[in-house]
C-alpha atoms as a PDB file:
ATOM      1  CA  MET A   1      -0.054   0.017   0.105  1.00  0.00           C
ATOM      2  CA  ASN A   2       1.212   3.470  -0.760  1.00  0.00           C
ATOM      3  CA  ARG A   3       1.108   6.057   1.602  1.00  0.00           C
ATOM      4  CA  LEU A   4       1.114   9.525   0.609  1.00  0.00           C
ATOM      5  CA  PRO A   5       3.173  11.979   2.985  1.00  0.00           C
ATOM      6  CA  SER A   6       0.784  13.571   5.486  1.00  0.00           C
ATOM      7  CA  VAL A   7       2.622  16.831   5.815  1.00  0.00           C
ATOM      8  CA  PRO A   8       2.071  17.783   2.194  1.00  0.00           C
ATOM      9  CA  PHE A   9      -1.493  16.686   1.917  1.00  0.00           C
ATOM     10  CA  ALA A  10      -2.076  18.541   5.378  1.00  0.00           C
ATOM     11  CA  ARG A  11      -0.676  21.808   3.851  1.00  0.00           C
ATOM     12  CA  LEU A  12      -2.703  21.410   0.381  1.00  0.00           C
ATOM     13  CA  ALA A  13      -5.990  20.751   2.375  1.00  0.00           C
ATOM     14  CA  ALA A  14      -5.256  24.013   4.703  1.00  0.00           C
ATOM     15  CA  ALA A  15      -4.349  26.067   1.559  1.00  0.00           C
ATOM     16  CA  ALA A  16      -7.535  24.879   0.081  1.00  0.00           C
ATOM     17  CA  CYS A  17      -9.681  25.922   2.990  1.00  0.00           C
ATOM     18  CA  MET A  18      -8.039  29.004   3.274  1.00  0.00           C
ATOM     19  CA  THR A  19      -8.804  29.980  -0.275  1.00  0.00           C
ATOM     20  CA  GLY A  20     -12.423  28.732   0.210  1.00  0.00           C
ATOM     21  CA  LEU A  21     -12.807  31.189   3.229  1.00  0.00           C
ATOM     22  CA  LEU A  22     -11.212  34.114   1.340  1.00  0.00           C
ATOM     23  CA  THR A  23     -13.796  33.659  -1.416  1.00  0.00           C
ATOM     24  CA  VAL A  24     -16.618  33.455   0.705  1.00  0.00           C
ATOM     25  CA  ALA A  25     -15.407  36.126   2.794  1.00  0.00           C
ATOM     26  CA  SER A  26     -14.751  38.621  -0.051  1.00  0.00           C
ATOM     27  CA  ALA A  27     -18.179  37.528  -1.664  1.00  0.00           C
ATOM     28  CA  ALA A  28     -19.837  38.416   1.683  1.00  0.00           C
ATOM     29  CA  SER A  29     -18.128  41.849   1.764  1.00  0.00           C
ATOM     30  CA  ALA A  30     -18.881  42.679  -1.738  1.00  0.00           C
ATOM     31  CA  GLN A  31     -22.735  41.846  -1.186  1.00  0.00           C
ATOM     32  CA  THR A  32     -23.009  44.153   2.196  1.00  0.00           C
ATOM     33  CA  ALA A  33     -20.716  47.045   0.636  1.00  0.00           C
ATOM     34  CA  ALA A  34     -23.451  47.405  -2.517  1.00  0.00           C
ATOM     35  CA  PRO A  35     -26.375  48.449  -0.610  1.00  0.00           C
ATOM     36  CA  ALA A  36     -24.409  50.738   1.475  1.00  0.00           C
ATOM     37  CA  ASP A  37     -22.746  52.233  -1.426  1.00  0.00           C
ATOM     38  CA  ALA A  38     -26.179  52.368  -2.915  1.00  0.00           C
ATOM     39  CA  GLY A  39     -27.508  54.381  -0.327  1.00  0.00           C
ATOM     40  CA  ARG A  40     -24.528  57.086  -0.129  1.00  0.00           C
ATOM     41  CA  LEU A  41     -25.749  60.669  -1.509  1.00  0.00           C
ATOM     42  CA  HIS A  42     -23.809  63.467  -2.089  1.00  0.00           C
ATOM     43  CA  ALA A  43     -23.849  66.030   0.982  1.00  0.00           C
ATOM     44  CA  ALA A  44     -25.984  68.373  -1.026  1.00  0.00           C
ATOM     45  CA  ASP A  45     -28.833  65.725  -1.972  1.00  0.00           C
ATOM     46  CA  GLN A  46     -28.841  64.560   2.045  1.00  0.00           C
ATOM     47  CA  ALA A  47     -29.544  68.020   3.025  1.00  0.00           C
ATOM     48  CA  PHE A  48     -32.072  68.488   0.414  1.00  0.00           C
ATOM     49  CA  ILE A  49     -33.769  65.385   1.561  1.00  0.00           C
ATOM     50  CA  ALA A  50     -33.621  66.503   5.272  1.00  0.00           C
ATOM     51  CA  ASP A  51     -34.332  70.118   4.801  1.00  0.00           C
ATOM     52  CA  GLY A  52     -36.783  70.061   1.792  1.00  0.00           C
ATOM     53  CA  THR A  53     -38.935  67.398   3.283  1.00  0.00           C
ATOM     54  CA  GLN A  54     -38.912  69.177   6.756  1.00  0.00           C
ATOM     55  CA  ALA A  55     -40.011  72.485   4.965  1.00  0.00           C
ATOM     56  CA  VAL A  56     -42.826  70.809   3.027  1.00  0.00           C
ATOM     57  CA  ALA A  57     -43.829  68.669   6.039  1.00  0.00           C
ATOM     58  CA  THR A  58     -43.912  71.984   7.948  1.00  0.00           C
ATOM     59  CA  GLN A  59     -45.930  73.853   5.591  1.00  0.00           C
ATOM     60  CA  ARG A  60     -48.426  71.275   4.921  1.00  0.00           C
ATOM     61  CA  ASP A  61     -49.197  70.388   8.619  1.00  0.00           C
ATOM     62  CA  ALA A  62     -49.052  74.365   9.272  1.00  0.00           C
ATOM     63  CA  ALA A  63     -51.596  74.597   6.287  1.00  0.00           C
ATOM     64  CA  ARG A  64     -54.065  71.929   7.683  1.00  0.00           C
ATOM     65  CA  ILE A  65     -53.751  73.609  11.223  1.00  0.00           C
ATOM     66  CA  ALA A  66     -54.695  76.966   9.426  1.00  0.00           C
ATOM     67  CA  SER A  67     -57.884  75.290   7.445  1.00  0.00           C
ATOM     68  CA  ALA A  68     -59.363  74.473  11.223  1.00  0.00           C
ATOM     69  CA  ARG A  69     -58.152  77.397  13.289  1.00  0.00           C
ATOM     70  CA  SER A  70     -58.261  80.564  10.869  1.00  0.00           C
ATOM     71  CA  THR A  71     -61.557  82.628  10.402  1.00  0.00           C
ATOM     72  CA  ASP A  72     -60.341  84.107   7.096  1.00  0.00           C
ATOM     73  CA  HIS A  73     -61.469  82.718   3.974  1.00  0.00           C
ATOM     74  CA  ASP A  74     -58.390  83.893   2.274  1.00  0.00           C
ATOM     75  CA  VAL A  75     -55.934  82.383   4.975  1.00  0.00           C
ATOM     76  CA  LYS A  76     -58.180  79.083   4.467  1.00  0.00           C
ATOM     77  CA  ALA A  77     -57.990  79.127   0.671  1.00  0.00           C
ATOM     78  CA  PHE A  78     -54.289  79.693   0.899  1.00  0.00           C
ATOM     79  CA  ALA A  79     -53.853  76.835   3.406  1.00  0.00           C
ATOM     80  CA  GLU A  80     -55.867  74.254   1.373  1.00  0.00           C
ATOM     81  CA  ARG A  81     -53.988  75.040  -1.622  1.00  0.00           C
ATOM     82  CA  VAL A  82     -50.399  74.998   0.143  1.00  0.00           C
ATOM     83  CA  SER A  83     -51.621  71.471   1.896  1.00  0.00           C
ATOM     84  CA  ASN A  84     -52.985  69.955  -1.335  1.00  0.00           C
ATOM     85  CA  ASP A  85     -49.530  70.939  -3.373  1.00  0.00           C
ATOM     86  CA  ASP A  86     -47.084  70.071  -0.745  1.00  0.00           C
ATOM     87  CA  ALA A  87     -48.477  66.528  -0.442  1.00  0.00           C
ATOM     88  CA  LYS A  88     -47.822  66.094  -3.885  1.00  0.00           C
ATOM     89  CA  ILE A  89     -44.306  67.323  -3.787  1.00  0.00           C
ATOM     90  CA  THR A  90     -43.754  65.147  -0.718  1.00  0.00           C
ATOM     91  CA  ASP A  91     -44.585  62.115  -3.016  1.00  0.00           C
ATOM     92  CA  ALA A  92     -42.546  63.215  -5.818  1.00  0.00           C
ATOM     93  CA  LEU A  93     -39.233  63.370  -3.088  1.00  0.00           C
ATOM     94  CA  ARG A  94     -40.432  59.882  -1.818  1.00  0.00           C
ATOM     95  CA  ALA A  95     -40.557  58.549  -5.300  1.00  0.00           C
ATOM     96  CA  ALA A  96     -37.230  60.206  -6.490  1.00  0.00           C
ATOM     97  CA  SER A  97     -35.258  59.221  -3.458  1.00  0.00           C
ATOM     98  CA  PRO A  98     -32.577  56.459  -4.311  1.00  0.00           C
ATOM     99  CA  ARG A  99     -33.332  52.885  -3.223  1.00  0.00           C
ATOM    100  CA  GLY A 100     -32.134  52.510   0.234  1.00  0.00           C
ATOM    101  CA  VAL A 101     -32.317  56.009   1.418  1.00  0.00           C
ATOM    102  CA  ASP A 102     -34.591  56.814   4.050  1.00  0.00           C
ATOM    103  CA  VAL A 103     -37.089  59.901   3.424  1.00  0.00           C
ATOM    104  CA  PRO A 104     -38.996  61.084   6.360  1.00  0.00           C
ATOM    105  CA  LYS A 105     -42.732  60.866   5.855  1.00  0.00           C
ATOM    106  CA  ASN A 106     -43.848  63.266   8.548  1.00  0.00           C
ATOM    107  CA  ASP A 107     -40.858  65.317   9.846  1.00  0.00           C
ATOM    108  CA  PRO A 108     -42.221  68.764  10.177  1.00  0.00           C
ATOM    109  CA  ASP A 109     -40.597  71.407  12.635  1.00  0.00           C
ATOM    110  CA  ALA A 110     -42.472  70.983  15.713  1.00  0.00           C
ATOM    111  CA  ALA A 111     -41.634  74.473  17.002  1.00  0.00           C
ATOM    112  CA  VAL A 112     -43.214  76.215  13.967  1.00  0.00           C
ATOM    113  CA  LEU A 113     -46.201  74.282  14.670  1.00  0.00           C
ATOM    114  CA  ALA A 114     -46.355  74.928  18.128  1.00  0.00           C
ATOM    115  CA  SER A 115     -46.078  78.808  17.782  1.00  0.00           C
ATOM    116  CA  ILE A 116     -49.496  78.507  15.794  1.00  0.00           C
ATOM    117  CA  ASN A 117     -51.314  75.726  17.520  1.00  0.00           C
ATOM    118  CA  ASN A 118     -53.023  77.303  20.627  1.00  0.00           C
ATOM    119  CA  LEU A 119     -53.567  80.671  18.655  1.00  0.00           C
ATOM    120  CA  ARG A 120     -57.171  81.681  16.931  1.00  0.00           C
ATOM    121  CA  GLY A 121     -58.560  84.118  14.762  1.00  0.00           C
ATOM    122  CA  ALA A 122     -56.738  87.324  13.678  1.00  0.00           C
ATOM    123  CA  GLU A 123     -53.814  86.374  15.931  1.00  0.00           C
ATOM    124  CA  PHE A 124     -53.373  83.441  14.175  1.00  0.00           C
ATOM    125  CA  ASP A 125     -54.087  84.443  10.751  1.00  0.00           C
ATOM    126  CA  LYS A 126     -51.385  87.267  11.250  1.00  0.00           C
ATOM    127  CA  THR A 127     -48.724  84.671  13.044  1.00  0.00           C
ATOM    128  CA  TYR A 128     -49.504  82.145  10.455  1.00  0.00           C
ATOM    129  CA  ILE A 129     -48.886  84.353   7.672  1.00  0.00           C
ATOM    130  CA  GLU A 130     -45.639  85.988   8.804  1.00  0.00           C
ATOM    131  CA  GLN A 131     -43.811  83.208  10.554  1.00  0.00           C
ATOM    132  CA  VAL A 132     -45.236  80.099   8.640  1.00  0.00           C
ATOM    133  CA  ALA A 133     -46.547  81.219   5.222  1.00  0.00           C
ATOM    134  CA  LEU A 134     -43.766  83.741   4.264  1.00  0.00           C
ATOM    135  CA  ALA A 135     -40.735  82.566   6.466  1.00  0.00           C
ATOM    136  CA  GLY A 136     -41.367  78.601   5.658  1.00  0.00           C
ATOM    137  CA  ASP A 137     -41.491  79.306   2.071  1.00  0.00           C
ATOM    138  CA  GLN A 138     -38.247  81.088   2.036  1.00  0.00           C
ATOM    139  CA  LYS A 139     -37.011  78.135   3.933  1.00  0.00           C
ATOM    140  CA  ALA A 140     -38.367  75.566   1.068  1.00  0.00           C
ATOM    141  CA  LEU A 141     -37.172  77.929  -1.713  1.00  0.00           C
ATOM    142  CA  SER A 142     -33.460  77.675  -0.173  1.00  0.00           C
ATOM    143  CA  ALA A 143     -33.635  74.229  -0.022  1.00  0.00           C
ATOM    144  CA  PHE A 144     -35.016  73.497  -3.352  1.00  0.00           C
ATOM    145  CA  GLN A 145     -32.646  76.050  -4.933  1.00  0.00           C
ATOM    146  CA  ALA A 146     -29.667  74.488  -3.482  1.00  0.00           C
ATOM    147  CA  GLU A 147     -30.509  71.011  -4.943  1.00  0.00           C
ATOM    148  CA  ILE A 148     -30.832  72.543  -8.237  1.00  0.00           C
ATOM    149  CA  ALA A 149     -27.434  74.354  -7.781  1.00  0.00           C
ATOM    150  CA  SER A 150     -25.492  71.560  -5.926  1.00  0.00           C
ATOM    151  CA  GLY A 151     -27.251  68.632  -5.850  1.00  0.00           C
ATOM    152  CA  ARG A 152     -25.988  65.087  -7.782  1.00  0.00           C
ATOM    153  CA  ASP A 153     -28.944  62.838  -8.211  1.00  0.00           C
ATOM    154  CA  GLU A 154     -30.270  63.757 -11.124  1.00  0.00           C
ATOM    155  CA  GLN A 155     -34.088  62.569  -9.786  1.00  0.00           C
ATOM    156  CA  LEU A 156     -33.642  64.467  -6.804  1.00  0.00           C
ATOM    157  CA  LYS A 157     -32.866  67.550  -8.923  1.00  0.00           C
ATOM    158  CA  ASP A 158     -35.519  66.768 -11.340  1.00  0.00           C
ATOM    159  CA  VAL A 159     -38.106  66.813  -8.374  1.00  0.00           C
ATOM    160  CA  ALA A 160     -36.543  69.956  -7.324  1.00  0.00           C
ATOM    161  CA  LYS A 161     -37.161  71.675 -10.617  1.00  0.00           C
ATOM    162  CA  LYS A 162     -40.346  70.888 -11.089  1.00  0.00           C
ATOM    163  CA  ALA A 163     -41.559  71.638  -7.657  1.00  0.00           C
ATOM    164  CA  LEU A 164     -39.645  75.120  -7.569  1.00  0.00           C
ATOM    165  CA  PRO A 165     -42.357  76.943  -9.399  1.00  0.00           C
ATOM    166  CA  THR A 166     -44.961  75.788  -7.131  1.00  0.00           C
ATOM    167  CA  ILE A 167     -43.041  76.726  -3.991  1.00  0.00           C
ATOM    168  CA  GLN A 168     -42.314  80.157  -5.831  1.00  0.00           C
ATOM    169  CA  GLN A 169     -46.047  80.561  -6.511  1.00  0.00           C
ATOM    170  CA  HIS A 170     -46.998  79.697  -2.956  1.00  0.00           C
ATOM    171  CA  TYR A 171     -44.422  82.479  -1.788  1.00  0.00           C
ATOM    172  CA  ALA A 172     -45.684  84.819  -4.210  1.00  0.00           C
ATOM    173  CA  MET A 173     -49.489  84.138  -3.000  1.00  0.00           C
ATOM    174  CA  ALA A 174     -48.096  84.495   0.632  1.00  0.00           C
ATOM    175  CA  GLN A 175     -47.037  87.936  -0.104  1.00  0.00           C
ATOM    176  CA  ASP A 176     -50.265  88.794  -1.731  1.00  0.00           C
ATOM    177  CA  LEU A 177     -52.070  87.606   1.280  1.00  0.00           C
ATOM    178  CA  ALA A 178     -49.623  89.366   3.744  1.00  0.00           C
ATOM    179  CA  LYS A 179     -50.395  92.772   1.986  1.00  0.00           C
ATOM    180  CA  ARG A 180     -54.287  92.359   1.657  1.00  0.00           C
ATOM    181  CA  LYS A 181     -54.175  91.737   5.203  1.00  0.00           C
ATOM    182  CA  HIS A 182     -51.998  94.877   6.081  1.00  0.00           C
ATOM    183  CA  LEU A 183     -48.996  92.597   7.314  1.00  0.00           C
ATOM    184  CA  SER A 184     -45.303  92.793   6.397  1.00  0.00           C
ATOM    185  CA  ALA A 185     -44.956  90.936   3.080  1.00  0.00           C
ATOM    186  CA  SER A 186     -41.375  89.895   4.159  1.00  0.00           C
ATOM    187  CA  ALA A 187     -40.484  86.886   6.198  1.00  0.00           C
ATOM    188  CA  GLN A 188     -39.926  87.833  10.045  1.00  0.00           C
END
């Protein structure tokens, strides 16, 4: 009976096992790296998702409060328009966000909403127009313009480009509303 030397066979078996382990480890590493890389966004795109969704969510939620608390027909009409438009913008942002990127569904600025939540009548209307409609639309404009200028994700930039005229229109409407109510037409 021929016997093979045990030392070279042991080395060969160990080398084969190591090669197999390295192959499995590198395949596992590649699989876990792919989704993480897919979720990485340029800083401008990340800022847009955070700031843009918060600005739009704040405007939308404040508009819903305005619909319930305001006694002024013009304020209610403005709020209804903003609420409907901003719901569409939020949906478009969510749809355009790259796979694996978390887009907050409803992340309004709680301080802004708290500033109007307990007000009623003319006091509500004044605060809503000056602090929410004007100042909030300026924040939204800034976020969407920054994405158009600096964003790298083409789908997000496209959403920003398509939504910008609506946000500009909201701001112009808020300025007109402020003038008609004899308020400052610039954000506080």
